[in-house]
N, C-alpha and C. Protein backbone atom coordinates (compact mmCIF):
# COMPACT_ATOMS: atom_id res chain seq x y z
N MET A 1 -27.21 -100.23 62.05
CA MET A 1 -26.21 -99.43 61.39
C MET A 1 -26.73 -98.03 61.12
N THR A 2 -27.99 -97.88 60.79
CA THR A 2 -28.57 -96.56 60.56
C THR A 2 -28.45 -95.70 61.81
N GLU A 3 -28.65 -96.30 62.96
CA GLU A 3 -28.56 -95.56 64.22
C GLU A 3 -27.18 -94.94 64.42
N ALA A 4 -26.14 -95.65 64.04
CA ALA A 4 -24.78 -95.14 64.21
C ALA A 4 -24.53 -93.93 63.32
N LEU A 5 -25.22 -93.84 62.19
CA LEU A 5 -25.03 -92.73 61.28
C LEU A 5 -25.98 -91.58 61.54
N SER A 6 -26.90 -91.74 62.49
CA SER A 6 -27.94 -90.73 62.71
C SER A 6 -27.38 -89.42 63.26
N ASP A 7 -26.18 -89.40 63.78
CA ASP A 7 -25.61 -88.16 64.32
C ASP A 7 -24.49 -87.63 63.43
N THR A 8 -24.56 -87.96 62.15
CA THR A 8 -23.51 -87.53 61.22
C THR A 8 -24.09 -86.65 60.11
N PHE A 9 -23.18 -86.01 59.39
CA PHE A 9 -23.55 -85.25 58.20
C PHE A 9 -22.50 -85.52 57.13
N THR A 10 -22.85 -85.23 55.90
CA THR A 10 -21.98 -85.48 54.76
C THR A 10 -21.35 -84.18 54.28
N VAL A 11 -20.08 -84.24 53.95
CA VAL A 11 -19.37 -83.09 53.37
C VAL A 11 -18.90 -83.52 51.98
N ARG A 12 -19.22 -82.70 50.98
CA ARG A 12 -18.81 -82.97 49.61
C ARG A 12 -17.95 -81.82 49.09
N PHE A 13 -16.97 -82.17 48.28
CA PHE A 13 -16.06 -81.19 47.70
C PHE A 13 -16.16 -81.25 46.18
N PHE A 14 -16.13 -80.08 45.54
CA PHE A 14 -16.30 -80.01 44.09
C PHE A 14 -15.15 -79.26 43.43
N ALA A 15 -14.99 -79.51 42.13
CA ALA A 15 -14.05 -78.81 41.26
C ALA A 15 -12.62 -78.88 41.82
N ARG A 16 -11.92 -77.75 41.84
CA ARG A 16 -10.51 -77.76 42.24
C ARG A 16 -10.33 -78.23 43.68
N LEU A 17 -11.31 -77.99 44.55
CA LEU A 17 -11.18 -78.45 45.94
C LEU A 17 -11.08 -79.97 46.00
N ARG A 18 -11.93 -80.64 45.26
CA ARG A 18 -11.90 -82.11 45.22
C ARG A 18 -10.54 -82.58 44.71
N GLU A 19 -10.03 -81.92 43.67
CA GLU A 19 -8.74 -82.32 43.11
C GLU A 19 -7.59 -82.06 44.07
N GLU A 20 -7.56 -80.88 44.68
CA GLU A 20 -6.45 -80.50 45.55
C GLU A 20 -6.47 -81.24 46.89
N LEU A 21 -7.66 -81.54 47.40
CA LEU A 21 -7.77 -82.24 48.68
C LEU A 21 -7.70 -83.75 48.51
N GLY A 22 -7.97 -84.22 47.30
CA GLY A 22 -7.91 -85.65 47.04
C GLY A 22 -9.06 -86.43 47.65
N VAL A 23 -10.17 -85.76 47.89
CA VAL A 23 -11.34 -86.43 48.45
C VAL A 23 -12.60 -85.81 47.86
N GLU A 24 -13.57 -86.66 47.59
CA GLU A 24 -14.83 -86.18 47.03
C GLU A 24 -15.88 -86.00 48.12
N GLU A 25 -15.89 -86.91 49.08
CA GLU A 25 -16.94 -86.90 50.10
C GLU A 25 -16.43 -87.51 51.40
N MET A 26 -16.94 -87.00 52.52
CA MET A 26 -16.62 -87.58 53.82
C MET A 26 -17.82 -87.44 54.74
N THR A 27 -17.85 -88.24 55.77
CA THR A 27 -18.91 -88.18 56.77
C THR A 27 -18.29 -87.75 58.09
N LEU A 28 -18.90 -86.75 58.72
CA LEU A 28 -18.41 -86.23 59.99
C LEU A 28 -19.52 -86.28 61.04
N LYS A 29 -19.11 -86.22 62.29
CA LYS A 29 -20.07 -86.27 63.40
C LYS A 29 -20.64 -84.87 63.66
N ALA A 30 -21.95 -84.80 63.76
CA ALA A 30 -22.62 -83.54 64.09
C ALA A 30 -22.54 -83.30 65.59
N GLU A 31 -22.35 -82.04 65.96
CA GLU A 31 -22.26 -81.65 67.37
C GLU A 31 -23.22 -80.50 67.61
N PRO A 32 -23.75 -80.36 68.81
CA PRO A 32 -24.64 -79.23 69.10
C PRO A 32 -23.94 -77.90 68.84
N GLY A 33 -24.63 -76.98 68.20
CA GLY A 33 -24.09 -75.65 67.95
C GLY A 33 -23.11 -75.57 66.79
N LEU A 34 -22.95 -76.65 66.04
CA LEU A 34 -21.99 -76.66 64.93
C LEU A 34 -22.47 -75.76 63.79
N THR A 35 -21.53 -75.02 63.20
CA THR A 35 -21.83 -74.16 62.05
C THR A 35 -20.93 -74.53 60.88
N THR A 36 -21.28 -74.04 59.71
CA THR A 36 -20.44 -74.30 58.55
C THR A 36 -19.05 -73.69 58.73
N GLY A 37 -18.98 -72.54 59.37
CA GLY A 37 -17.69 -71.91 59.64
C GLY A 37 -16.81 -72.76 60.53
N ARG A 38 -17.43 -73.39 61.52
CA ARG A 38 -16.67 -74.26 62.43
C ARG A 38 -16.18 -75.51 61.69
N VAL A 39 -17.01 -76.04 60.80
CA VAL A 39 -16.58 -77.18 59.99
C VAL A 39 -15.37 -76.79 59.14
N LEU A 40 -15.42 -75.61 58.53
CA LEU A 40 -14.28 -75.13 57.74
C LEU A 40 -13.02 -75.04 58.61
N GLU A 41 -13.16 -74.50 59.82
CA GLU A 41 -12.02 -74.38 60.73
C GLU A 41 -11.45 -75.75 61.08
N GLN A 42 -12.33 -76.69 61.39
CA GLN A 42 -11.88 -78.03 61.76
C GLN A 42 -11.14 -78.70 60.60
N LEU A 43 -11.68 -78.56 59.40
CA LEU A 43 -11.02 -79.16 58.24
C LEU A 43 -9.70 -78.45 57.94
N ALA A 44 -9.68 -77.13 58.01
CA ALA A 44 -8.46 -76.36 57.74
C ALA A 44 -7.35 -76.70 58.73
N SER A 45 -7.73 -77.07 59.95
CA SER A 45 -6.72 -77.38 60.98
C SER A 45 -5.96 -78.67 60.66
N ARG A 46 -6.38 -79.41 59.67
CA ARG A 46 -5.65 -80.61 59.25
C ARG A 46 -4.33 -80.24 58.59
N GLY A 47 -4.18 -78.97 58.19
CA GLY A 47 -2.94 -78.50 57.58
C GLY A 47 -2.81 -78.89 56.12
N GLY A 48 -1.65 -78.62 55.58
CA GLY A 48 -1.40 -78.92 54.17
C GLY A 48 -2.43 -78.26 53.28
N PRO A 49 -2.89 -78.97 52.26
CA PRO A 49 -3.86 -78.37 51.33
C PRO A 49 -5.18 -78.00 52.00
N TRP A 50 -5.48 -78.62 53.14
CA TRP A 50 -6.72 -78.33 53.85
C TRP A 50 -6.76 -76.90 54.36
N SER A 51 -5.60 -76.31 54.64
CA SER A 51 -5.58 -74.96 55.20
C SER A 51 -6.17 -73.92 54.25
N GLN A 52 -6.21 -74.23 52.96
CA GLN A 52 -6.79 -73.29 51.99
C GLN A 52 -8.28 -73.05 52.24
N LEU A 53 -8.94 -73.93 52.97
CA LEU A 53 -10.36 -73.74 53.23
C LEU A 53 -10.64 -72.49 54.05
N LYS A 54 -9.68 -72.07 54.85
CA LYS A 54 -9.86 -70.84 55.64
C LYS A 54 -8.89 -69.74 55.24
N ASN A 55 -7.76 -70.07 54.67
CA ASN A 55 -6.73 -69.08 54.41
C ASN A 55 -6.37 -68.92 52.93
N GLY A 56 -7.08 -69.60 52.07
CA GLY A 56 -6.74 -69.55 50.65
C GLY A 56 -7.76 -68.78 49.86
N GLN A 57 -8.03 -69.27 48.69
CA GLN A 57 -9.02 -68.65 47.82
C GLN A 57 -10.42 -68.81 48.42
N PRO A 58 -11.33 -67.92 48.03
CA PRO A 58 -12.70 -68.00 48.58
C PRO A 58 -13.34 -69.36 48.31
N VAL A 59 -14.18 -69.78 49.24
CA VAL A 59 -14.89 -71.04 49.14
C VAL A 59 -16.38 -70.75 49.31
N MET A 60 -17.18 -71.30 48.42
CA MET A 60 -18.63 -71.19 48.53
C MET A 60 -19.14 -72.38 49.34
N ILE A 61 -20.25 -72.16 50.04
CA ILE A 61 -20.80 -73.19 50.91
C ILE A 61 -22.28 -73.37 50.58
N ALA A 62 -22.72 -74.62 50.53
CA ALA A 62 -24.14 -74.92 50.40
C ALA A 62 -24.50 -75.95 51.47
N VAL A 63 -25.67 -75.79 52.05
CA VAL A 63 -26.19 -76.77 53.00
C VAL A 63 -27.51 -77.26 52.42
N ASN A 64 -27.57 -78.56 52.19
CA ASN A 64 -28.76 -79.17 51.60
C ASN A 64 -29.15 -78.46 50.30
N GLN A 65 -28.15 -78.16 49.49
CA GLN A 65 -28.28 -77.57 48.17
C GLN A 65 -28.80 -76.13 48.17
N ALA A 66 -28.68 -75.45 49.29
CA ALA A 66 -29.02 -74.02 49.37
C ALA A 66 -27.78 -73.27 49.81
N MET A 67 -27.49 -72.16 49.15
CA MET A 67 -26.31 -71.37 49.51
C MET A 67 -26.37 -70.99 50.99
N ALA A 68 -25.21 -71.01 51.64
CA ALA A 68 -25.14 -70.78 53.08
C ALA A 68 -23.98 -69.86 53.42
N LYS A 69 -24.03 -69.31 54.61
CA LYS A 69 -22.96 -68.48 55.16
C LYS A 69 -22.25 -69.28 56.24
N GLU A 70 -21.13 -68.74 56.74
CA GLU A 70 -20.36 -69.47 57.76
C GLU A 70 -21.10 -69.61 59.09
N ALA A 71 -22.14 -68.83 59.31
CA ALA A 71 -22.90 -68.92 60.56
C ALA A 71 -24.07 -69.90 60.45
N THR A 72 -24.23 -70.55 59.31
CA THR A 72 -25.34 -71.48 59.12
C THR A 72 -25.15 -72.72 59.97
N ALA A 73 -26.20 -73.14 60.65
CA ALA A 73 -26.16 -74.32 61.51
C ALA A 73 -26.00 -75.58 60.68
N VAL A 74 -25.29 -76.55 61.24
CA VAL A 74 -25.11 -77.86 60.62
C VAL A 74 -25.72 -78.89 61.56
N ASN A 75 -26.64 -79.68 61.02
CA ASN A 75 -27.34 -80.68 61.83
C ASN A 75 -27.12 -82.07 61.27
N ALA A 76 -27.38 -83.07 62.08
CA ALA A 76 -27.29 -84.45 61.64
C ALA A 76 -28.17 -84.63 60.41
N GLY A 77 -27.66 -85.37 59.44
CA GLY A 77 -28.39 -85.64 58.21
C GLY A 77 -28.17 -84.61 57.12
N ASP A 78 -27.55 -83.48 57.44
CA ASP A 78 -27.31 -82.44 56.45
C ASP A 78 -26.25 -82.87 55.44
N GLU A 79 -26.28 -82.20 54.29
CA GLU A 79 -25.22 -82.35 53.29
C GLU A 79 -24.59 -80.99 53.08
N LEU A 80 -23.30 -80.87 53.37
CA LEU A 80 -22.55 -79.64 53.11
C LEU A 80 -21.79 -79.83 51.81
N ALA A 81 -21.72 -78.77 51.04
CA ALA A 81 -20.94 -78.79 49.81
C ALA A 81 -20.02 -77.58 49.82
N PHE A 82 -18.75 -77.80 49.53
CA PHE A 82 -17.76 -76.73 49.42
C PHE A 82 -17.26 -76.72 47.99
N PHE A 83 -17.24 -75.52 47.39
CA PHE A 83 -16.80 -75.41 46.01
C PHE A 83 -16.27 -74.01 45.76
N PRO A 84 -15.40 -73.86 44.75
CA PRO A 84 -14.88 -72.53 44.44
C PRO A 84 -15.98 -71.67 43.83
N PRO A 85 -15.84 -70.36 43.94
CA PRO A 85 -16.83 -69.47 43.32
C PRO A 85 -16.93 -69.75 41.82
N VAL A 86 -18.13 -69.67 41.32
CA VAL A 86 -18.39 -69.93 39.91
C VAL A 86 -18.34 -68.61 39.15
N THR A 87 -17.65 -68.62 38.04
CA THR A 87 -17.60 -67.42 37.19
C THR A 87 -18.10 -67.79 35.81
N GLY A 88 -18.62 -66.82 35.15
CA GLY A 88 -19.14 -67.06 33.81
C GLY A 88 -18.45 -66.16 32.80
N GLY A 89 -18.78 -66.36 31.58
CA GLY A 89 -18.13 -65.55 30.58
C GLY A 89 -18.96 -65.36 29.35
């Protein structure tokens, strides 16, 4: 069973994204040359509330708990996190 998951990565959603999308975590298949931006595009193409990932409010991205840009590579075993920008007061 571990072998079947060896080519996947985890995507986690936080705060309003988790609430609006109705999902906390999912596992997706890693592909050669995959970037965080491409993952956002693939998820946004699902339509409905998912489209906000590319066309809505800004989304912050972390890969393996480090802030990332849309050009950051995504590899098997990685953990991506998408969350709204954090503001303080």
